[in-house]
Amino acid sequence: MTHILLIEDDAGTAAEIALELTAGGYRVTHRGLVADGYVVARDVSVDLLIVDRQLPDGEGLDLIAGLRAEGRRTPALVLSALGTLDDRVRGLRAGGDDYLPKPFALVELVARVQALLRRPDESRDTRLIAGPLDLDLLAGTATRAQRALDLLPRELKLLDYLVRRPGQVVTRSMLLQDVWGYTFEPNSNVVDVHMGRLRRKVDGEGEAPLIRNVRGQGYVFDVPA
């Protein structure tokens, strides 16, 4: 049974989340403090973390950052009433895999949990080098042949996803599920819009294209030989 650790100090919110997840077949362990959550989070049986940011004894992001510093890569969903763009970016840079602002619908929380658990058990390296590209995910920066790429957080996440799958066709459905966390395909061109903007930033004039559109299928990241 999938084991989820919920670290949330509000008893009512924690009870609602735990009830919903338990009904979905998950095993849920609840803690209300950073210190107590940290002890349980180091248990190898934990498959996913759901961590509130503002806890009585500290910041939930510090717990996640501490686990990442120890080399622990358990997926983490951050919950917080702090929902600005800067707050979300900080959460992801601290090592969170997804960020859900409060208030939220339980159905969305469950969908995000399912998306995180579906992700492949891939390397969580924070520094990636592929051909002329250099991605520093911790700093949130990317360069191509020492040319700084002015990427938005979502664009950096898309590029990270592509770089980890060189030569593989990445479909729009894969991107929607693994980058956006959607369990359905919205009736929009959100992927194509973001990918078009990313390609224009990565592949400058006169440079060999690194991101290729495969008509009717998706996109491929090509590393120059």
Protein backbone atom coordinates (compact mmCIF):
# COMPACT_ATOMS: atom_id res chain seq x y z
CA MET A 1 0.00 0.00 0.00
CA THR A 2 1.34 3.44 -0.96
CA HIS A 3 2.46 5.29 2.18
CA ILE A 4 1.88 9.05 2.34
CA LEU A 5 3.25 11.27 5.10
CA LEU A 6 1.05 14.31 5.73
CA ILE A 7 2.64 17.14 7.73
CA GLU A 8 -0.12 19.63 8.52
CA ASP A 9 -0.79 21.41 11.82
CA ASP A 10 -4.47 22.29 11.22
CA ALA A 11 -6.38 19.33 12.62
CA GLY A 12 -9.50 19.89 10.50
CA THR A 13 -7.58 20.18 7.24
CA ALA A 14 -5.45 17.16 8.10
CA ALA A 15 -8.51 15.05 8.92
CA GLU A 16 -10.20 15.91 5.61
CA ILE A 17 -7.07 15.14 3.58
CA ALA A 18 -6.37 11.90 5.43
CA LEU A 19 -9.96 10.72 5.03
CA GLU A 20 -9.94 11.42 1.29
CA LEU A 21 -6.61 9.69 0.73
CA THR A 22 -7.49 6.72 2.90
CA ALA A 23 -10.72 6.28 0.94
CA GLY A 24 -8.56 6.21 -2.19
CA GLY A 25 -6.56 3.27 -0.88
CA TYR A 26 -3.52 5.10 0.50
CA ARG A 27 -1.93 4.58 3.91
CA VAL A 28 -1.61 7.98 5.62
CA THR A 29 0.62 8.97 8.53
CA HIS A 30 -0.07 12.40 10.00
CA ARG A 31 2.27 14.68 11.91
CA GLY A 32 1.77 18.33 12.89
CA LEU A 33 5.33 19.49 13.53
CA VAL A 34 8.50 19.80 11.43
CA ALA A 35 10.54 17.86 13.97
CA ASP A 36 8.11 14.93 14.15
CA GLY A 37 7.57 14.90 10.40
CA TYR A 38 11.31 14.84 9.76
CA VAL A 39 11.70 11.65 11.79
CA VAL A 40 8.97 9.82 9.86
CA ALA A 41 10.08 11.23 6.49
CA ARG A 42 13.39 9.41 6.80
CA ASP A 43 11.56 6.07 6.86
CA VAL A 44 12.15 4.27 3.56
CA SER A 45 8.51 3.11 3.49
CA VAL A 46 7.27 6.67 2.82
CA ASP A 47 6.39 7.06 -0.88
CA LEU A 48 5.17 10.68 -0.89
CA LEU A 49 5.27 13.76 1.33
CA ILE A 50 2.51 16.34 1.66
CA VAL A 51 3.99 19.26 3.59
CA ASP A 52 2.39 22.45 4.85
CA ARG A 53 4.74 25.43 4.90
CA GLN A 54 3.74 27.36 8.02
CA LEU A 55 4.09 24.93 10.92
CA PRO A 56 4.26 25.74 14.65
CA ASP A 57 7.93 24.83 15.00
CA GLY A 58 9.27 26.02 11.64
CA GLU A 59 9.05 26.22 7.86
CA GLY A 60 7.98 23.10 5.97
CA LEU A 61 10.34 23.97 3.12
CA ASP A 62 13.29 23.62 5.49
CA LEU A 63 12.22 20.03 6.15
CA ILE A 64 12.17 19.27 2.41
CA ALA A 65 15.50 21.02 1.83
CA GLY A 66 17.03 19.04 4.69
CA LEU A 67 15.86 15.77 3.20
CA ARG A 68 17.23 16.73 -0.21
CA ALA A 69 20.58 17.62 1.36
CA GLU A 70 20.70 14.08 2.76
CA GLY A 71 20.07 12.69 -0.71
CA ARG A 72 16.47 11.67 0.00
CA ARG A 73 14.34 12.12 -3.14
CA THR A 74 10.86 11.21 -1.87
CA PRO A 75 8.38 13.25 -3.98
CA ALA A 76 6.97 16.22 -2.06
CA LEU A 77 3.76 18.19 -2.54
CA VAL A 78 3.87 21.57 -0.78
CA LEU A 79 0.67 23.06 0.67
CA SER A 80 0.48 26.71 1.66
CA ALA A 81 -1.71 29.77 2.00
CA LEU A 82 1.28 31.58 0.47
CA GLY A 83 0.38 31.35 -3.20
CA THR A 84 2.23 34.08 -5.09
CA LEU A 85 4.57 33.24 -7.96
CA ASP A 86 7.60 33.96 -5.75
CA ASP A 87 6.23 31.63 -3.06
CA ARG A 88 5.69 28.81 -5.56
CA VAL A 89 9.15 29.26 -7.07
CA ARG A 90 10.71 29.19 -3.61
CA GLY A 91 8.86 25.98 -2.85
CA LEU A 92 10.13 24.28 -6.00
CA ARG A 93 13.67 25.50 -5.47
CA ALA A 94 13.65 24.12 -1.94
CA GLY A 95 13.08 20.67 -3.43
CA GLY A 96 9.30 20.48 -3.68
CA ASP A 97 7.96 18.63 -6.70
CA ASP A 98 4.61 20.41 -6.81
CA TYR A 99 2.96 23.34 -5.02
CA LEU A 100 -0.73 23.62 -4.19
CA PRO A 101 -1.96 26.95 -2.76
CA LYS A 102 -4.69 26.99 -0.11
CA PRO A 103 -7.64 26.86 -0.28
CA PHE A 104 -7.84 23.91 -2.64
CA ALA A 105 -10.34 21.25 -3.67
CA LEU A 106 -9.62 17.76 -2.36
CA VAL A 107 -10.16 16.34 -5.85
CA GLU A 108 -7.28 18.50 -7.12
CA LEU A 109 -5.02 17.41 -4.26
CA VAL A 110 -5.72 13.76 -5.06
CA ALA A 111 -5.05 14.37 -8.77
CA ARG A 112 -1.69 15.96 -7.96
CA VAL A 113 -0.81 13.08 -5.64
CA GLN A 114 -1.60 10.60 -8.39
CA ALA A 115 0.50 12.56 -10.90
CA LEU A 116 3.51 12.67 -8.56
CA LEU A 117 3.27 8.94 -7.86
CA ARG A 118 3.15 8.21 -11.62
CA ARG A 119 6.40 10.00 -12.30
CA PRO A 120 9.32 7.75 -13.26
CA ASP A 121 11.95 7.09 -10.62
CA GLU A 122 14.49 9.24 -12.39
CA SER A 123 17.60 11.06 -11.30
CA ARG A 124 16.93 14.14 -9.21
CA ASP A 125 20.24 15.80 -10.04
CA THR A 126 20.02 19.57 -9.73
CA ARG A 127 22.78 20.25 -12.31
CA LEU A 128 22.30 18.97 -15.85
CA ILE A 129 24.70 19.40 -18.76
CA ALA A 130 23.65 18.27 -22.24
CA GLY A 131 25.70 19.45 -25.21
CA PRO A 132 25.83 23.27 -25.04
CA LEU A 133 23.09 23.42 -22.39
CA ASP A 134 23.85 23.88 -18.70
CA LEU A 135 20.89 23.78 -16.28
CA ASP A 136 21.26 24.69 -12.62
CA LEU A 137 17.87 23.72 -11.21
CA LEU A 138 18.71 24.81 -7.68
CA ALA A 139 19.60 28.33 -8.82
CA GLY A 140 16.82 28.30 -11.41
CA THR A 141 19.16 29.24 -14.27
CA ALA A 142 20.03 27.87 -17.70
CA THR A 143 22.65 28.75 -20.30
CA ARG A 144 23.42 27.66 -23.84
CA ALA A 145 27.10 27.95 -24.73
CA GLN A 146 27.38 30.51 -21.90
CA ARG A 147 24.42 32.49 -23.29
CA ALA A 148 21.97 33.06 -20.45
CA LEU A 149 18.45 31.84 -21.18
CA ASP A 150 15.74 33.99 -19.62
CA LEU A 151 13.35 31.17 -18.72
CA LEU A 152 10.18 31.31 -16.68
CA PRO A 153 9.84 28.60 -13.99
CA ARG A 154 7.49 26.52 -16.14
CA GLU A 155 9.85 26.78 -19.12
CA LEU A 156 12.78 25.64 -16.99
CA LYS A 157 10.73 22.68 -15.78
CA LEU A 158 9.83 21.78 -19.38
CA LEU A 159 13.47 21.96 -20.45
CA ASP A 160 14.51 19.83 -17.47
CA TYR A 161 11.92 17.22 -18.49
CA LEU A 162 13.15 17.14 -22.10
CA VAL A 163 16.87 17.07 -21.24
CA ARG A 164 16.36 13.99 -19.07
CA ARG A 165 14.87 12.17 -22.08
CA PRO A 166 17.27 12.80 -25.00
CA GLY A 167 16.12 11.38 -28.32
CA GLN A 168 12.75 10.31 -26.88
CA VAL A 169 9.47 11.56 -28.29
CA VAL A 170 7.74 13.37 -25.44
CA THR A 171 4.01 13.61 -26.08
CA ARG A 172 1.72 16.46 -25.09
CA SER A 173 -0.10 14.10 -22.74
CA MET A 174 3.15 13.27 -20.96
CA LEU A 175 3.93 16.96 -20.50
CA LEU A 176 0.43 17.75 -19.24
CA GLN A 177 0.60 14.93 -16.69
CA ASP A 178 4.20 15.21 -15.52
CA VAL A 179 4.89 18.96 -15.82
CA TRP A 180 1.43 20.46 -15.26
CA GLY A 181 0.09 17.65 -13.07
CA TYR A 182 -3.13 17.27 -15.08
CA THR A 183 -4.90 13.90 -15.16
CA PHE A 184 -6.95 15.04 -18.17
CA GLU A 185 -6.25 16.95 -21.36
CA PRO A 186 -7.72 20.46 -21.27
CA ASN A 187 -9.21 21.75 -24.50
CA SER A 188 -6.42 24.23 -25.10
CA ASN A 189 -3.02 24.61 -26.72
CA VAL A 190 -1.21 25.35 -23.44
CA VAL A 191 1.63 22.90 -24.22
CA ASP A 192 2.25 24.22 -27.73
CA VAL A 193 2.26 27.82 -26.54
CA HIS A 194 4.82 27.15 -23.80
CA MET A 195 6.95 24.91 -26.02
CA GLY A 196 6.97 27.48 -28.82
CA ARG A 197 8.23 30.13 -26.42
CA LEU A 198 10.83 27.75 -24.97
CA ARG A 199 12.14 26.79 -28.41
CA ARG A 200 12.59 30.44 -29.40
CA LYS A 201 14.66 31.04 -26.27
CA VAL A 202 16.79 27.88 -26.46
CA ASP A 203 17.40 27.78 -30.21
CA GLY A 204 18.80 31.16 -31.15
CA GLU A 205 19.49 32.46 -34.65
CA GLY A 206 22.26 30.48 -36.32
CA GLU A 207 22.28 27.79 -33.61
CA ALA A 208 21.58 24.12 -34.27
CA PRO A 209 18.04 23.33 -33.07
CA LEU A 210 17.98 21.30 -29.86
CA ILE A 211 14.20 20.95 -29.55
CA ARG A 212 12.37 19.40 -32.47
CA ASN A 213 8.62 19.24 -33.10
CA VAL A 214 7.42 15.82 -34.27
CA ARG A 215 4.17 16.51 -36.10
CA GLY A 216 1.19 14.79 -34.53
CA GLN A 217 3.28 13.24 -31.74
CA GLY A 218 5.14 15.74 -29.57
CA TYR A 219 8.70 16.97 -29.09
CA VAL A 220 12.22 15.56 -29.06
CA PHE A 221 15.36 16.94 -27.42
CA ASP A 222 18.32 16.33 -29.73
CA VAL A 223 21.82 16.56 -28.25
CA PRO A 224 24.43 17.51 -30.92
CA ALA A 225 26.97 14.78 -31.63
